[in-house]
Each structure stands twice: as C-alpha cells, then as structure tokens.
C-alpha atoms as a PDB file:
ATOM      1  CA  MET A   1       0.000   0.000   0.000  1.00  0.00           C
ATOM      2  CA  LEU A   2       2.802   2.423   0.890  1.00  0.00           C
ATOM      3  CA  HIS A   3       4.555   1.669  -2.392  1.00  0.00           C
ATOM      4  CA  THR A   4       1.391   2.644  -4.291  1.00  0.00           C
ATOM      5  CA  VAL A   5       1.051   5.896  -2.366  1.00  0.00           C
ATOM      6  CA  LEU A   6       4.704   6.810  -2.925  1.00  0.00           C
ATOM      7  CA  ARG A   7       4.517   6.013  -6.632  1.00  0.00           C
ATOM      8  CA  ARG A   8       1.307   7.952  -7.199  1.00  0.00           C
ATOM      9  CA  ARG A   9       2.459  10.933  -5.118  1.00  0.00           C
ATOM     10  CA  ALA A  10       5.588  11.061  -7.254  1.00  0.00           C
ATOM     11  CA  GLY A  11       3.212  11.297 -10.208  1.00  0.00           C
ATOM     12  CA  GLY A  12       1.590  14.390  -8.728  1.00  0.00           C
ATOM     13  CA  GLU A  13      -1.554  12.983  -7.089  1.00  0.00           C
ATOM     14  CA  SER A  14      -2.635  14.066  -3.628  1.00  0.00           C
ATOM     15  CA  VAL A  15      -3.299  11.666  -0.743  1.00  0.00           C
ATOM     16  CA  GLU A  16      -6.983  12.561  -0.934  1.00  0.00           C
ATOM     17  CA  GLN A  17      -7.087  11.437  -4.574  1.00  0.00           C
ATOM     18  CA  ILE A  18      -5.231   8.195  -3.848  1.00  0.00           C
ATOM     19  CA  GLN A  19      -7.140   7.158  -0.705  1.00  0.00           C
ATOM     20  CA  PRO A  20     -10.346   5.827  -2.353  1.00  0.00           C
ATOM     21  CA  ASP A  21      -8.322   3.417  -4.513  1.00  0.00           C
ATOM     22  CA  LEU A  22      -6.476   1.808  -1.592  1.00  0.00           C
ATOM     23  CA  ILE A  23      -7.783  -1.311   0.142  1.00  0.00           C
ATOM     24  CA  ILE A  24      -6.696  -2.690   3.526  1.00  0.00           C
ATOM     25  CA  PRO A  25      -5.690  -6.307   2.829  1.00  0.00           C
ATOM     26  CA  THR A  26      -5.866  -7.842   6.334  1.00  0.00           C
ATOM     27  CA  GLY A  27      -7.168  -7.279   9.831  1.00  0.00           C
ATOM     28  CA  LYS A  28     -10.333  -5.924  11.347  1.00  0.00           C
ATOM     29  CA  ARG A  29     -10.892  -3.376   8.554  1.00  0.00           C
ATOM     30  CA  LYS A  30     -10.126  -5.819   5.735  1.00  0.00           C
ATOM     31  CA  ARG A  31     -11.447  -4.698   2.310  1.00  0.00           C
ATOM     32  CA  GLN A  32     -12.048  -1.136   3.539  1.00  0.00           C
ATOM     33  CA  ASN A  33     -10.251   2.060   2.597  1.00  0.00           C
ATOM     34  CA  PRO A  34      -7.632   3.440   5.006  1.00  0.00           C
ATOM     35  CA  SER A  35      -8.271   6.894   6.385  1.00  0.00           C
ATOM     36  CA  VAL A  36      -6.354   9.848   5.015  1.00  0.00           C
ATOM     37  CA  ALA A  37      -4.789  10.250   8.466  1.00  0.00           C
ATOM     38  CA  SER A  38      -3.523   6.648   8.364  1.00  0.00           C
ATOM     39  CA  ILE A  39      -1.905   7.280   5.010  1.00  0.00           C
ATOM     40  CA  TYR A  40      -0.200  10.427   6.298  1.00  0.00           C
ATOM     41  CA  ARG A  41       1.036   8.497   9.382  1.00  0.00           C
ATOM     42  CA  ALA A  42       2.486   5.802   7.121  1.00  0.00           C
ATOM     43  CA  LEU A  43       4.195   8.457   5.001  1.00  0.00           C
ATOM     44  CA  ALA A  44       5.633  10.138   8.112  1.00  0.00           C
ATOM     45  CA  GLU A  45       6.935   6.813   9.429  1.00  0.00           C
ATOM     46  CA  HIS A  46       8.492   6.071   6.047  1.00  0.00           C
ATOM     47  CA  ALA A  47      10.161   9.494   5.984  1.00  0.00           C
ATOM     48  CA  LYS A  48      11.539   8.912   9.493  1.00  0.00           C
ATOM     49  CA  ARG A  49      12.969   5.517   8.483  1.00  0.00           C
ATOM     50  CA  GLU A  50      14.547   7.076   5.394  1.00  0.00           C
ATOM     51  CA  ALA A  51      16.029   9.987   7.364  1.00  0.00           C
ATOM     52  CA  TYR A  52      17.521   7.880  10.188  1.00  0.00           C
ATOM     53  CA  PRO A  53      18.344   4.392   8.828  1.00  0.00           C
ATOM     54  CA  GLU A  54      21.045   3.827  11.447  1.00  0.00           C
ATOM     55  CA  ALA A  55      18.507   4.390  14.241  1.00  0.00           C
ATOM     56  CA  VAL A  56      16.187   1.794  12.718  1.00  0.00           C
ATOM     57  CA  GLU A  57      19.041  -0.720  12.442  1.00  0.00           C
ATOM     58  CA  GLN A  58      20.048  -0.073  16.050  1.00  0.00           C
ATOM     59  CA  ALA A  59      16.447  -0.485  17.252  1.00  0.00           C
ATOM     60  CA  HIS A  60      16.184  -3.819  15.409  1.00  0.00           C
ATOM     61  CA  ALA A  61      19.455  -4.978  16.956  1.00  0.00           C
ATOM     62  CA  ASP A  62      18.334  -3.922  20.452  1.00  0.00           C
ATOM     63  CA  PHE A  63      15.024  -5.726  20.015  1.00  0.00           C
ATOM     64  CA  ALA A  64      16.790  -8.895  18.839  1.00  0.00           C
ATOM     65  CA  ASP A  65      19.069  -8.744  21.891  1.00  0.00           C
ATOM     66  CA  LEU A  66      16.060  -8.401  24.188  1.00  0.00           C
ATOM     67  CA  ARG A  67      14.288 -11.341  22.558  1.00  0.00           C
ATOM     68  CA  ASN A  68      17.406 -13.516  22.805  1.00  0.00           C
ATOM     69  CA  ALA A  69      17.809 -12.596  26.472  1.00  0.00           C
ATOM     70  CA  ASP A  70      14.175 -13.567  27.180  1.00  0.00           C
ATOM     71  CA  VAL A  71      14.566 -16.941  25.482  1.00  0.00           C
ATOM     72  CA  SER A  72      17.696 -17.939  27.367  1.00  0.00           C
ATOM     73  CA  ARG A  73      16.278 -17.004  30.775  1.00  0.00           C
ATOM     74  CA  PRO A  74      14.120 -19.686  32.487  1.00  0.00           C
ATOM     75  CA  ARG A  75      10.547 -18.686  33.148  1.00  0.00           C
ATOM     76  CA  PRO A  76       9.218 -18.778  36.718  1.00  0.00           C
ATOM     77  CA  ASP A  77       7.002 -21.702  37.630  1.00  0.00           C
ATOM     78  CA  ALA A  78       3.317 -20.776  38.060  1.00  0.00           C
ATOM     79  CA  ALA A  79       3.168 -22.613  41.414  1.00  0.00           C
ATOM     80  CA  ALA A  80       6.167 -20.650  42.716  1.00  0.00           C
ATOM     81  CA  LEU A  81       4.461 -17.379  41.823  1.00  0.00           C
ATOM     82  CA  SER A  82       1.251 -18.192  43.698  1.00  0.00           C
ATOM     83  CA  SER A  83       3.014 -19.061  47.002  1.00  0.00           C
END
C-alpha cells in the first residue's frame, strides 16, 4: 500500500485522490479504505525511516538482543508465583 502511495504521489496525485483506490488487505478493517490520516502516518513513518536508517538498524538490533535474552532465561514456575 505504501509503495502505491509513494509512486502515485511522485506522479503528482494528492493523498486525498489516492485514498479511495487503496484497500486494507488484512485485519479488522479488511477490504475497507484506510483513512487519510492513516496514510499520512504511514508516510511520516516512512520518511523517518529514510532519514535515520542507522537508528532503525540499532532499534532492530536492540530488540533482537532483548528477545534472545528472554529466550535464554528460564521462566518462573506458576506454582512458585502463587506461594
């Protein structure tokens, strides 16, 4: 969906003109049109990722480290928690 918006905006169309042609493919609002605000939020997030790629890479690395730390740590037993 974002690719379509970026391509059509590069062609000179406004978000308001593009919005009726977009369809949400999955989730609760499946087969509905996204709001104009949702499209602008997606564009802002894309611009942020493009402006600070090293921050995105660092965030992904930090998240992977956190997930690996959670997996290696044993989980507390439910019976031990209730005592």
